[in-house]
Amino acid sequence: MKPVIWIEGIIASGKSTLAEQLGEAFDLRVLKEPVDSNPYLALYYQDKQRWGWPMQVHLLAARYALQKAAVSEALVGNGAILDRGLPGDRVFAKMLAKEGVISELEWQTYEMHYDIMASDLRPPSLIVFLDVDPRAAYERCQTRARAEEAVGTGVTLEYLQALSRGYYDLLAEIESGRQAWSRGMSVLKWPWNVDHQSIVPLVEEIRRRI
């Protein structure tokens, strides 16, 4: 088995750019998160109550397909880097459930789908979490060109702060083995508040761990 690395972090943490850089550094296939190709995204921002649940289920299925592709790359290729893993996607759905955008019944149905997919989840070689202050991520959101992250579409500082808390809850679950696939796993938490910093120290640490 060749390595599979998950890059995790809140919105605008720099995951996509770093995934590309690490893919080149380690000669791994980069599997990007299916956000830009999501047909529900524009609908979601028009009516969150109507489209929140179908959007998250769509993303869950797309993310699961990427997980399977990563395993194939580990078996027959050089390995892969995932721009967010399946459990990271659940952080977003859980937030919508807490906000009431997703109903309790919808959340239970989402969890049923997630549990089935997670039971077939092959653990990654390493999880790299980009530890970014929500305020730094919010400033990046202001300058990014993606329409779905423009001011007024829901990506506020408060949203990013809640997302950060959700991610720390996930990391605690992973490192305590509360998710069956994560027993014995550790997470590499790496500070990433500064744009355009050298990836050399991170590359060296990843090499040491895998």
N, C-alpha and C. Protein backbone atom coordinates (compact mmCIF):
# COMPACT_ATOMS: atom_id res chain seq x y z
N MET A 1 0.83 -1.20 0.00
CA MET A 1 0.00 0.00 0.00
C MET A 1 0.87 1.25 0.00
N LYS A 2 0.62 2.14 -0.96
CA LYS A 2 1.28 3.44 -0.97
C LYS A 2 0.48 4.40 -0.07
N PRO A 3 1.05 5.53 0.29
CA PRO A 3 0.39 6.40 1.27
C PRO A 3 -0.86 7.11 0.75
N VAL A 4 -1.78 7.35 1.66
CA VAL A 4 -2.94 8.20 1.42
C VAL A 4 -2.95 9.26 2.54
N ILE A 5 -2.94 10.52 2.15
CA ILE A 5 -2.91 11.62 3.10
C ILE A 5 -4.19 12.44 2.96
N TRP A 6 -4.80 12.76 4.10
CA TRP A 6 -5.94 13.66 4.08
C TRP A 6 -5.47 15.04 4.53
N ILE A 7 -5.85 16.07 3.80
CA ILE A 7 -5.61 17.45 4.21
C ILE A 7 -6.93 18.00 4.73
N GLU A 8 -6.95 18.41 5.99
CA GLU A 8 -8.17 18.90 6.61
C GLU A 8 -7.99 20.35 7.07
N GLY A 9 -9.10 21.06 7.19
CA GLY A 9 -9.06 22.44 7.66
C GLY A 9 -10.34 23.15 7.31
N ILE A 10 -10.55 24.28 7.95
CA ILE A 10 -11.77 25.06 7.70
C ILE A 10 -11.70 25.72 6.32
N ILE A 11 -12.78 26.33 5.91
CA ILE A 11 -12.82 27.06 4.65
C ILE A 11 -11.72 28.12 4.65
N ALA A 12 -11.04 28.23 3.51
CA ALA A 12 -9.97 29.21 3.31
C ALA A 12 -8.75 28.95 4.18
N SER A 13 -8.57 27.70 4.60
CA SER A 13 -7.37 27.37 5.37
C SER A 13 -6.15 27.17 4.47
N GLY A 14 -6.39 26.97 3.17
CA GLY A 14 -5.28 26.75 2.24
C GLY A 14 -5.10 25.30 1.84
N LYS A 15 -6.13 24.47 2.07
CA LYS A 15 -6.03 23.04 1.79
C LYS A 15 -5.73 22.73 0.33
N SER A 16 -6.48 23.34 -0.57
CA SER A 16 -6.35 23.01 -1.99
C SER A 16 -4.96 23.32 -2.53
N THR A 17 -4.45 24.50 -2.17
CA THR A 17 -3.12 24.88 -2.63
C THR A 17 -2.06 23.96 -2.06
N LEU A 18 -2.17 23.67 -0.76
CA LEU A 18 -1.19 22.80 -0.12
C LEU A 18 -1.27 21.38 -0.68
N ALA A 19 -2.46 20.90 -0.94
CA ALA A 19 -2.61 19.56 -1.51
C ALA A 19 -1.86 19.45 -2.83
N GLU A 20 -1.97 20.48 -3.67
CA GLU A 20 -1.24 20.47 -4.94
C GLU A 20 0.27 20.46 -4.70
N GLN A 21 0.73 21.26 -3.75
CA GLN A 21 2.17 21.32 -3.48
C GLN A 21 2.69 20.00 -2.93
N LEU A 22 1.93 19.38 -2.03
CA LEU A 22 2.37 18.11 -1.46
C LEU A 22 2.26 16.98 -2.48
N GLY A 23 1.26 17.07 -3.35
CA GLY A 23 1.16 16.07 -4.41
C GLY A 23 2.39 16.07 -5.29
N GLU A 24 2.88 17.27 -5.60
CA GLU A 24 4.09 17.38 -6.40
C GLU A 24 5.32 16.91 -5.61
N ALA A 25 5.38 17.28 -4.33
CA ALA A 25 6.54 16.92 -3.51
C ALA A 25 6.66 15.40 -3.32
N PHE A 26 5.52 14.72 -3.18
CA PHE A 26 5.54 13.27 -2.90
C PHE A 26 5.14 12.42 -4.10
N ASP A 27 4.86 13.06 -5.23
CA ASP A 27 4.42 12.35 -6.43
C ASP A 27 3.16 11.53 -6.15
N LEU A 28 2.17 12.20 -5.55
CA LEU A 28 0.90 11.57 -5.23
C LEU A 28 -0.21 12.22 -6.06
N ARG A 29 -1.22 11.43 -6.40
CA ARG A 29 -2.37 11.98 -7.12
C ARG A 29 -3.19 12.83 -6.17
N VAL A 30 -3.57 14.02 -6.60
CA VAL A 30 -4.37 14.93 -5.78
C VAL A 30 -5.85 14.77 -6.15
N LEU A 31 -6.66 14.42 -5.17
CA LEU A 31 -8.10 14.26 -5.36
C LEU A 31 -8.79 15.43 -4.68
N LYS A 32 -9.33 16.35 -5.48
CA LYS A 32 -9.88 17.60 -4.93
C LYS A 32 -11.31 17.42 -4.47
N GLU A 33 -11.68 18.22 -3.46
CA GLU A 33 -13.03 18.13 -2.93
C GLU A 33 -14.04 18.62 -3.97
N PRO A 34 -15.22 18.00 -4.00
CA PRO A 34 -16.20 18.26 -5.07
C PRO A 34 -17.09 19.46 -4.81
N VAL A 35 -16.49 20.58 -4.43
CA VAL A 35 -17.30 21.76 -4.12
C VAL A 35 -17.62 22.56 -5.37
N ASP A 36 -16.61 22.83 -6.18
CA ASP A 36 -16.82 23.68 -7.35
C ASP A 36 -17.78 23.06 -8.36
N SER A 37 -17.86 21.71 -8.37
CA SER A 37 -18.75 21.03 -9.32
C SER A 37 -20.09 20.68 -8.68
N ASN A 38 -20.37 21.21 -7.51
CA ASN A 38 -21.60 20.87 -6.79
C ASN A 38 -22.80 21.61 -7.39
N PRO A 39 -23.76 20.89 -7.99
CA PRO A 39 -24.90 21.57 -8.64
C PRO A 39 -25.88 22.19 -7.65
N TYR A 40 -25.74 21.85 -6.36
CA TYR A 40 -26.68 22.35 -5.36
C TYR A 40 -26.23 23.65 -4.70
N LEU A 41 -24.99 24.04 -4.91
CA LEU A 41 -24.44 25.13 -4.12
C LEU A 41 -25.20 26.45 -4.30
N ALA A 42 -25.42 26.85 -5.55
CA ALA A 42 -26.14 28.10 -5.80
C ALA A 42 -27.57 28.02 -5.26
N LEU A 43 -28.21 26.86 -5.41
CA LEU A 43 -29.56 26.67 -4.89
C LEU A 43 -29.57 26.77 -3.37
N TYR A 44 -28.53 26.22 -2.75
CA TYR A 44 -28.44 26.24 -1.29
C TYR A 44 -28.41 27.68 -0.76
N TYR A 45 -27.64 28.54 -1.39
CA TYR A 45 -27.54 29.91 -0.91
C TYR A 45 -28.81 30.71 -1.17
N GLN A 46 -29.66 30.21 -2.11
CA GLN A 46 -30.94 30.86 -2.34
C GLN A 46 -31.98 30.43 -1.31
N ASP A 47 -31.91 29.14 -0.89
CA ASP A 47 -32.89 28.60 0.05
C ASP A 47 -32.24 27.46 0.83
N LYS A 48 -31.64 27.80 1.97
CA LYS A 48 -30.88 26.81 2.73
C LYS A 48 -31.76 25.70 3.29
N GLN A 49 -32.95 26.04 3.74
CA GLN A 49 -33.83 25.03 4.32
C GLN A 49 -34.23 23.99 3.27
N ARG A 50 -34.45 24.43 2.05
CA ARG A 50 -34.89 23.51 0.99
C ARG A 50 -33.74 22.64 0.49
N TRP A 51 -32.57 23.21 0.35
CA TRP A 51 -31.49 22.52 -0.36
C TRP A 51 -30.33 22.07 0.53
N GLY A 52 -30.37 22.38 1.82
CA GLY A 52 -29.26 22.00 2.70
C GLY A 52 -29.02 20.50 2.75
N TRP A 53 -30.08 19.74 3.00
CA TRP A 53 -29.91 18.29 3.12
C TRP A 53 -29.51 17.62 1.81
N PRO A 54 -30.21 17.87 0.68
CA PRO A 54 -29.76 17.22 -0.56
C PRO A 54 -28.34 17.61 -0.95
N MET A 55 -27.93 18.85 -0.65
CA MET A 55 -26.56 19.24 -0.96
C MET A 55 -25.57 18.40 -0.16
N GLN A 56 -25.83 18.22 1.14
CA GLN A 56 -24.90 17.47 1.97
C GLN A 56 -24.86 15.99 1.59
N VAL A 57 -25.99 15.42 1.21
CA VAL A 57 -26.01 14.03 0.77
C VAL A 57 -25.26 13.87 -0.54
N HIS A 58 -25.43 14.84 -1.43
CA HIS A 58 -24.68 14.83 -2.69
C HIS A 58 -23.18 14.87 -2.41
N LEU A 59 -22.76 15.76 -1.52
CA LEU A 59 -21.34 15.87 -1.19
C LEU A 59 -20.82 14.62 -0.51
N LEU A 60 -21.64 14.01 0.33
CA LEU A 60 -21.24 12.78 1.01
C LEU A 60 -20.95 11.67 0.00
N ALA A 61 -21.84 11.51 -0.97
CA ALA A 61 -21.65 10.48 -1.99
C ALA A 61 -20.42 10.78 -2.85
N ALA A 62 -20.24 12.04 -3.21
CA ALA A 62 -19.08 12.42 -4.02
C ALA A 62 -17.79 12.21 -3.24
N ARG A 63 -17.82 12.53 -1.96
CA ARG A 63 -16.63 12.35 -1.12
C ARG A 63 -16.30 10.87 -0.95
N TYR A 64 -17.32 10.06 -0.81
CA TYR A 64 -17.11 8.61 -0.67
C TYR A 64 -16.45 8.05 -1.94
N ALA A 65 -16.89 8.53 -3.10
CA ALA A 65 -16.27 8.09 -4.36
C ALA A 65 -14.79 8.46 -4.39
N LEU A 66 -14.44 9.64 -3.87
CA LEU A 66 -13.03 10.04 -3.81
C LEU A 66 -12.24 9.16 -2.86
N GLN A 67 -12.88 8.77 -1.73
CA GLN A 67 -12.21 7.86 -0.79
C GLN A 67 -11.86 6.54 -1.48
N LYS A 68 -12.80 6.02 -2.26
CA LYS A 68 -12.56 4.76 -2.98
C LYS A 68 -11.46 4.94 -4.02
N ALA A 69 -11.44 6.09 -4.70
CA ALA A 69 -10.40 6.35 -5.69
C ALA A 69 -9.03 6.43 -5.01
N ALA A 70 -8.98 7.00 -3.81
CA ALA A 70 -7.71 7.10 -3.08
C ALA A 70 -7.17 5.72 -2.73
N VAL A 71 -8.06 4.82 -2.32
CA VAL A 71 -7.63 3.45 -2.01
C VAL A 71 -7.08 2.77 -3.26
N SER A 72 -7.74 2.99 -4.40
CA SER A 72 -7.23 2.40 -5.65
C SER A 72 -5.85 2.93 -5.98
N GLU A 73 -5.65 4.23 -5.78
CA GLU A 73 -4.33 4.81 -6.02
C GLU A 73 -3.28 4.22 -5.09
N ALA A 74 -3.67 3.93 -3.86
CA ALA A 74 -2.73 3.34 -2.89
C ALA A 74 -2.37 1.91 -3.27
N LEU A 75 -3.30 1.23 -3.93
CA LEU A 75 -3.08 -0.17 -4.28
C LEU A 75 -2.30 -0.33 -5.58
N VAL A 76 -2.62 0.50 -6.57
CA VAL A 76 -2.04 0.29 -7.90
C VAL A 76 -1.24 1.48 -8.41
N GLY A 77 -1.26 2.59 -7.69
CA GLY A 77 -0.52 3.78 -8.12
C GLY A 77 0.52 4.20 -7.11
N ASN A 78 0.81 5.48 -7.09
CA ASN A 78 1.81 6.00 -6.15
C ASN A 78 1.23 6.44 -4.82
N GLY A 79 -0.11 6.46 -4.72
CA GLY A 79 -0.77 6.97 -3.52
C GLY A 79 -1.53 8.23 -3.86
N ALA A 80 -2.17 8.81 -2.85
CA ALA A 80 -3.05 9.95 -3.13
C ALA A 80 -3.10 10.91 -1.95
N ILE A 81 -3.48 12.15 -2.28
CA ILE A 81 -3.78 13.17 -1.28
C ILE A 81 -5.22 13.59 -1.47
N LEU A 82 -6.00 13.55 -0.39
CA LEU A 82 -7.39 13.97 -0.43
C LEU A 82 -7.55 15.37 0.15
N ASP A 83 -8.18 16.22 -0.61
CA ASP A 83 -8.52 17.57 -0.15
C ASP A 83 -9.81 17.46 0.66
N ARG A 84 -9.71 17.07 1.89
CA ARG A 84 -10.75 16.80 2.87
C ARG A 84 -11.27 15.37 2.75
N GLY A 85 -11.31 14.68 3.87
CA GLY A 85 -11.81 13.32 3.91
C GLY A 85 -13.30 13.28 4.23
N LEU A 86 -13.85 12.08 4.21
CA LEU A 86 -15.27 11.88 4.46
C LEU A 86 -15.71 12.43 5.83
N PRO A 87 -14.96 12.18 6.92
CA PRO A 87 -15.38 12.72 8.22
C PRO A 87 -15.37 14.24 8.27
N GLY A 88 -14.47 14.88 7.53
CA GLY A 88 -14.46 16.33 7.48
C GLY A 88 -15.74 16.88 6.88
N ASP A 89 -16.28 16.16 5.91
CA ASP A 89 -17.52 16.59 5.28
C ASP A 89 -18.67 16.58 6.29
N ARG A 90 -18.62 15.61 7.20
CA ARG A 90 -19.68 15.48 8.21
C ARG A 90 -19.71 16.70 9.14
N VAL A 91 -18.56 17.34 9.35
CA VAL A 91 -18.52 18.53 10.20
C VAL A 91 -19.51 19.58 9.70
N PHE A 92 -19.55 19.77 8.37
CA PHE A 92 -20.43 20.78 7.78
C PHE A 92 -21.91 20.39 7.94
N ALA A 93 -22.20 19.11 7.71
CA ALA A 93 -23.58 18.64 7.86
C ALA A 93 -24.04 18.76 9.30
N LYS A 94 -23.16 18.45 10.24
CA LYS A 94 -23.51 18.53 11.66
C LYS A 94 -23.82 19.97 12.07
N MET A 95 -23.07 20.92 11.50
CA MET A 95 -23.34 22.33 11.77
C MET A 95 -24.73 22.73 11.29
N LEU A 96 -25.10 22.25 10.10
CA LEU A 96 -26.44 22.58 9.57
C LEU A 96 -27.53 21.99 10.44
N ALA A 97 -27.26 20.80 11.00
CA ALA A 97 -28.24 20.19 11.89
C ALA A 97 -28.38 21.00 13.17
N LYS A 98 -27.26 21.48 13.71
CA LYS A 98 -27.30 22.30 14.93
C LYS A 98 -28.03 23.62 14.69
N GLU A 99 -27.88 24.16 13.48
CA GLU A 99 -28.52 25.43 13.15
C GLU A 99 -30.01 25.27 12.81
N GLY A 100 -30.46 24.02 12.63
CA GLY A 100 -31.84 23.79 12.26
C GLY A 100 -32.10 23.87 10.77
N VAL A 101 -31.04 24.04 9.99
CA VAL A 101 -31.20 24.05 8.52
C VAL A 101 -31.56 22.64 8.04
N ILE A 102 -30.96 21.64 8.67
CA ILE A 102 -31.29 20.24 8.43
C ILE A 102 -32.14 19.77 9.61
N SER A 103 -33.27 19.16 9.32
CA SER A 103 -34.16 18.71 10.39
C SER A 103 -33.56 17.50 11.11
N GLU A 104 -34.14 17.17 12.26
CA GLU A 104 -33.66 16.02 13.03
C GLU A 104 -33.79 14.73 12.22
N LEU A 105 -34.89 14.56 11.51
CA LEU A 105 -35.08 13.36 10.69
C LEU A 105 -34.06 13.31 9.56
N GLU A 106 -33.82 14.45 8.92
CA GLU A 106 -32.83 14.51 7.85
C GLU A 106 -31.43 14.19 8.39
N TRP A 107 -31.12 14.70 9.58
CA TRP A 107 -29.82 14.42 10.18
C TRP A 107 -29.67 12.93 10.49
N GLN A 108 -30.70 12.30 11.01
CA GLN A 108 -30.65 10.87 11.29
C GLN A 108 -30.43 10.07 10.00
N THR A 109 -31.07 10.51 8.94
CA THR A 109 -30.90 9.83 7.65
C THR A 109 -29.48 10.03 7.12
N TYR A 110 -28.97 11.25 7.27
CA TYR A 110 -27.58 11.52 6.87
C TYR A 110 -26.62 10.63 7.66
N GLU A 111 -26.83 10.54 8.97
CA GLU A 111 -25.97 9.72 9.82
C GLU A 111 -26.02 8.25 9.41
N MET A 112 -27.19 7.77 9.01
CA MET A 112 -27.30 6.39 8.56
C MET A 112 -26.43 6.16 7.33
N HIS A 113 -26.50 7.08 6.37
CA HIS A 113 -25.66 6.98 5.17
C HIS A 113 -24.18 7.08 5.55
N TYR A 114 -23.86 8.04 6.41
CA TYR A 114 -22.46 8.23 6.81
C TYR A 114 -21.91 6.99 7.50
N ASP A 115 -22.66 6.42 8.43
CA ASP A 115 -22.18 5.25 9.17
C ASP A 115 -21.91 4.07 8.24
N ILE A 116 -22.77 3.88 7.25
CA ILE A 116 -22.55 2.79 6.29
C ILE A 116 -21.27 3.02 5.51
N MET A 117 -21.06 4.25 5.05
CA MET A 117 -19.86 4.57 4.28
C MET A 117 -18.61 4.51 5.16
N ALA A 118 -18.71 5.03 6.39
CA ALA A 118 -17.56 5.06 7.29
C ALA A 118 -17.14 3.65 7.71
N SER A 119 -18.08 2.71 7.75
CA SER A 119 -17.74 1.34 8.13
C SER A 119 -16.83 0.69 7.10
N ASP A 120 -16.83 1.25 5.89
CA ASP A 120 -15.99 0.72 4.80
C ASP A 120 -14.77 1.61 4.57
N LEU A 121 -14.50 2.50 5.52
CA LEU A 121 -13.46 3.50 5.34
C LEU A 121 -12.09 2.94 5.70
N ARG A 122 -11.16 3.00 4.75
CA ARG A 122 -9.79 2.59 5.03
C ARG A 122 -9.05 3.79 5.63
N PRO A 123 -8.45 3.62 6.79
CA PRO A 123 -7.78 4.76 7.43
C PRO A 123 -6.66 5.32 6.55
N PRO A 124 -6.46 6.62 6.58
CA PRO A 124 -5.36 7.22 5.81
C PRO A 124 -4.02 6.93 6.49
N SER A 125 -2.95 7.11 5.76
CA SER A 125 -1.62 7.00 6.35
C SER A 125 -1.37 8.13 7.33
N LEU A 126 -1.94 9.30 7.02
CA LEU A 126 -1.74 10.48 7.86
C LEU A 126 -2.84 11.49 7.59
N ILE A 127 -3.28 12.18 8.65
CA ILE A 127 -4.18 13.31 8.52
C ILE A 127 -3.39 14.57 8.87
N VAL A 128 -3.38 15.53 7.95
CA VAL A 128 -2.73 16.82 8.20
C VAL A 128 -3.83 17.86 8.38
N PHE A 129 -3.88 18.45 9.57
CA PHE A 129 -4.87 19.48 9.84
C PHE A 129 -4.19 20.84 9.82
N LEU A 130 -4.65 21.71 8.92
CA LEU A 130 -4.10 23.06 8.84
C LEU A 130 -4.78 23.91 9.91
N ASP A 131 -4.00 24.23 10.92
CA ASP A 131 -4.52 24.95 12.08
C ASP A 131 -4.49 26.45 11.80
N VAL A 132 -5.64 26.97 11.39
CA VAL A 132 -5.74 28.37 10.96
C VAL A 132 -6.72 29.11 11.86
N ASP A 133 -6.33 30.29 12.32
CA ASP A 133 -7.22 31.14 13.09
C ASP A 133 -8.38 31.55 12.18
N PRO A 134 -9.63 31.41 12.64
CA PRO A 134 -10.78 31.80 11.82
C PRO A 134 -10.70 33.23 11.29
N ARG A 135 -10.06 34.12 12.04
CA ARG A 135 -9.94 35.50 11.57
C ARG A 135 -9.05 35.58 10.34
N ALA A 136 -7.98 34.78 10.32
CA ALA A 136 -7.11 34.74 9.14
C ALA A 136 -7.85 34.14 7.95
N ALA A 137 -8.63 33.09 8.21
CA ALA A 137 -9.41 32.48 7.14
C ALA A 137 -10.46 33.45 6.60
N TYR A 138 -11.07 34.22 7.49
CA TYR A 138 -12.08 35.18 7.06
C TYR A 138 -11.47 36.25 6.15
N GLU A 139 -10.28 36.71 6.50
CA GLU A 139 -9.60 37.70 5.65
C GLU A 139 -9.31 37.12 4.27
N ARG A 140 -8.95 35.85 4.23
CA ARG A 140 -8.71 35.20 2.93
C ARG A 140 -10.00 35.12 2.13
N CYS A 141 -11.10 34.84 2.81
CA CYS A 141 -12.39 34.76 2.12
C CYS A 141 -12.75 36.08 1.45
N GLN A 142 -12.33 37.18 2.04
CA GLN A 142 -12.65 38.49 1.49
C GLN A 142 -11.93 38.73 0.16
N THR A 143 -10.81 38.07 -0.04
CA THR A 143 -10.02 38.33 -1.24
C THR A 143 -10.15 37.21 -2.28
N ARG A 144 -10.80 36.10 -1.91
CA ARG A 144 -10.93 35.01 -2.87
C ARG A 144 -12.05 35.29 -3.86
N ALA A 145 -11.89 34.77 -5.07
CA ALA A 145 -12.83 35.10 -6.15
C ALA A 145 -14.04 34.18 -6.20
N ARG A 146 -14.05 33.10 -5.40
CA ARG A 146 -15.17 32.17 -5.48
C ARG A 146 -16.47 32.87 -5.07
N ALA A 147 -17.46 32.81 -5.92
CA ALA A 147 -18.72 33.49 -5.66
C ALA A 147 -19.40 32.96 -4.41
N GLU A 148 -19.27 31.66 -4.12
CA GLU A 148 -19.96 31.08 -2.98
C GLU A 148 -19.37 31.53 -1.66
N GLU A 149 -18.21 32.21 -1.69
CA GLU A 149 -17.62 32.68 -0.45
C GLU A 149 -17.66 34.21 -0.35
N ALA A 150 -18.45 34.83 -1.20
CA ALA A 150 -18.58 36.28 -1.17
C ALA A 150 -19.33 36.71 0.09
N VAL A 151 -19.12 37.96 0.49
CA VAL A 151 -19.82 38.48 1.66
C VAL A 151 -21.32 38.39 1.41
N GLY A 152 -22.06 37.91 2.40
CA GLY A 152 -23.50 37.81 2.28
C GLY A 152 -24.00 36.43 1.94
N THR A 153 -23.11 35.47 1.68
CA THR A 153 -23.54 34.11 1.36
C THR A 153 -23.40 33.18 2.54
N GLY A 154 -23.10 33.69 3.70
CA GLY A 154 -23.08 32.85 4.89
C GLY A 154 -21.72 32.59 5.46
N VAL A 155 -20.65 32.89 4.73
CA VAL A 155 -19.31 32.65 5.25
C VAL A 155 -18.89 33.87 6.06
N THR A 156 -19.37 33.92 7.27
CA THR A 156 -19.05 35.00 8.18
C THR A 156 -17.94 34.55 9.13
N LEU A 157 -17.43 35.50 9.89
CA LEU A 157 -16.43 35.15 10.90
C LEU A 157 -17.03 34.19 11.92
N GLU A 158 -18.28 34.44 12.31
CA GLU A 158 -18.94 33.57 13.28
C GLU A 158 -19.08 32.14 12.72
N TYR A 159 -19.39 32.03 11.43
CA TYR A 159 -19.51 30.72 10.81
C TYR A 159 -18.17 29.99 10.84
N LEU A 160 -17.10 30.68 10.52
CA LEU A 160 -15.78 30.07 10.51
C LEU A 160 -15.34 29.68 11.93
N GLN A 161 -15.71 30.48 12.91
CA GLN A 161 -15.40 30.13 14.29
C GLN A 161 -16.14 28.87 14.72
N ALA A 162 -17.41 28.76 14.33
CA ALA A 162 -18.18 27.55 14.64
C ALA A 162 -17.61 26.35 13.90
N LEU A 163 -17.20 26.56 12.66
CA LEU A 163 -16.60 25.48 11.87
C LEU A 163 -15.30 25.00 12.52
N SER A 164 -14.51 25.93 13.02
CA SER A 164 -13.27 25.58 13.70
C SER A 164 -13.55 24.72 14.93
N ARG A 165 -14.57 25.11 15.71
CA ARG A 165 -14.93 24.31 16.89
C ARG A 165 -15.40 22.91 16.47
N GLY A 166 -16.15 22.85 15.38
CA GLY A 166 -16.61 21.55 14.89
C GLY A 166 -15.45 20.67 14.48
N TYR A 167 -14.45 21.27 13.87
CA TYR A 167 -13.27 20.50 13.46
C TYR A 167 -12.48 20.00 14.66
N TYR A 168 -12.35 20.84 15.69
CA TYR A 168 -11.63 20.38 16.88
C TYR A 168 -12.38 19.25 17.57
N ASP A 169 -13.70 19.27 17.52
CA ASP A 169 -14.48 18.14 18.04
C ASP A 169 -14.16 16.88 17.25
N LEU A 170 -14.09 17.00 15.92
CA LEU A 170 -13.77 15.85 15.08
C LEU A 170 -12.38 15.31 15.40
N LEU A 171 -11.40 16.20 15.52
CA LEU A 171 -10.04 15.76 15.81
C LEU A 171 -9.97 15.02 17.14
N ALA A 172 -10.73 15.50 18.13
CA ALA A 172 -10.78 14.81 19.42
C ALA A 172 -11.38 13.42 19.26
N GLU A 173 -12.42 13.29 18.44
CA GLU A 173 -13.02 11.98 18.19
C GLU A 173 -12.03 11.04 17.52
N ILE A 174 -11.29 11.57 16.55
CA ILE A 174 -10.32 10.74 15.83
C ILE A 174 -9.22 10.26 16.77
N GLU A 175 -8.64 11.18 17.52
CA GLU A 175 -7.49 10.82 18.34
C GLU A 175 -7.86 9.98 19.55
N SER A 176 -9.13 10.02 19.96
CA SER A 176 -9.57 9.17 21.06
C SER A 176 -10.09 7.82 20.58
N GLY A 177 -10.14 7.64 19.25
CA GLY A 177 -10.61 6.37 18.69
C GLY A 177 -12.11 6.19 18.75
N ARG A 178 -12.86 7.28 18.94
CA ARG A 178 -14.31 7.17 19.01
C ARG A 178 -14.92 6.82 17.66
N GLN A 179 -14.20 7.12 16.58
CA GLN A 179 -14.62 6.63 15.27
C GLN A 179 -13.83 5.35 15.00
N ALA A 180 -14.56 4.26 14.68
CA ALA A 180 -13.94 2.93 14.62
C ALA A 180 -12.71 2.89 13.71
N TRP A 181 -12.77 3.58 12.59
CA TRP A 181 -11.66 3.53 11.64
C TRP A 181 -10.42 4.25 12.14
N SER A 182 -10.58 5.10 13.18
CA SER A 182 -9.48 5.98 13.58
C SER A 182 -8.65 5.45 14.75
N ARG A 183 -8.90 4.25 15.21
CA ARG A 183 -8.17 3.73 16.35
C ARG A 183 -6.68 3.67 16.06
N GLY A 184 -5.89 4.28 16.95
CA GLY A 184 -4.45 4.28 16.76
C GLY A 184 -3.94 5.39 15.87
N MET A 185 -4.85 6.25 15.37
CA MET A 185 -4.44 7.32 14.46
C MET A 185 -4.02 8.56 15.24
N SER A 186 -3.07 9.28 14.68
CA SER A 186 -2.72 10.59 15.21
C SER A 186 -2.93 11.61 14.10
N VAL A 187 -3.08 12.86 14.50
CA VAL A 187 -3.31 13.93 13.54
C VAL A 187 -2.13 14.90 13.62
N LEU A 188 -1.59 15.24 12.46
CA LEU A 188 -0.52 16.24 12.40
C LEU A 188 -1.16 17.61 12.29
N LYS A 189 -1.15 18.37 13.38
CA LYS A 189 -1.71 19.72 13.37
C LYS A 189 -0.59 20.70 13.02
N TRP A 190 -0.81 21.50 11.98
CA TRP A 190 0.25 22.37 11.49
C TRP A 190 -0.25 23.81 11.37
N PRO A 191 0.40 24.77 12.03
CA PRO A 191 -0.04 26.17 11.94
C PRO A 191 0.08 26.69 10.51
N TRP A 192 -0.97 27.37 10.03
CA TRP A 192 -0.99 27.79 8.62
C TRP A 192 -1.68 29.14 8.46
N ASN A 193 -1.39 30.05 9.40
CA ASN A 193 -2.00 31.38 9.33
C ASN A 193 -1.34 32.28 8.29
N VAL A 194 -0.09 32.00 7.96
CA VAL A 194 0.69 32.85 7.06
C VAL A 194 0.62 32.30 5.64
N ASP A 195 0.22 33.13 4.70
CA ASP A 195 0.17 32.71 3.29
C ASP A 195 1.58 32.58 2.71
N HIS A 196 1.71 31.69 1.75
CA HIS A 196 2.94 31.54 0.96
C HIS A 196 4.16 31.16 1.81
N GLN A 197 3.93 30.46 2.92
CA GLN A 197 5.07 30.02 3.71
C GLN A 197 5.68 28.77 3.11
N SER A 198 6.93 28.49 3.45
CA SER A 198 7.64 27.33 2.91
C SER A 198 6.98 26.03 3.39
N ILE A 199 6.86 25.08 2.48
CA ILE A 199 6.30 23.78 2.87
C ILE A 199 7.40 22.80 3.27
N VAL A 200 8.66 23.21 3.20
CA VAL A 200 9.77 22.29 3.46
C VAL A 200 9.69 21.66 4.85
N PRO A 201 9.48 22.45 5.93
CA PRO A 201 9.38 21.81 7.26
C PRO A 201 8.23 20.81 7.35
N LEU A 202 7.10 21.14 6.72
CA LEU A 202 5.96 20.23 6.73
C LEU A 202 6.28 18.96 5.96
N VAL A 203 6.90 19.10 4.81
CA VAL A 203 7.28 17.93 4.01
C VAL A 203 8.20 17.01 4.81
N GLU A 204 9.14 17.59 5.51
CA GLU A 204 10.08 16.79 6.31
C GLU A 204 9.34 16.05 7.42
N GLU A 205 8.37 16.72 8.06
CA GLU A 205 7.62 16.07 9.13
C GLU A 205 6.73 14.96 8.59
N ILE A 206 6.14 15.18 7.42
CA ILE A 206 5.31 14.12 6.81
C ILE A 206 6.18 12.92 6.46
N ARG A 207 7.35 13.18 5.90
CA ARG A 207 8.25 12.06 5.57
C ARG A 207 8.59 11.26 6.83
N ARG A 208 8.80 11.95 7.93
CA ARG A 208 9.15 11.27 9.16
C ARG A 208 8.01 10.38 9.65
N ARG A 209 6.79 10.84 9.41
CA ARG A 209 5.63 10.11 9.94
C ARG A 209 5.16 8.98 9.07
N ILE A 210 5.39 9.08 7.77
CA ILE A 210 4.91 8.01 6.89
C ILE A 210 6.05 7.22 6.28
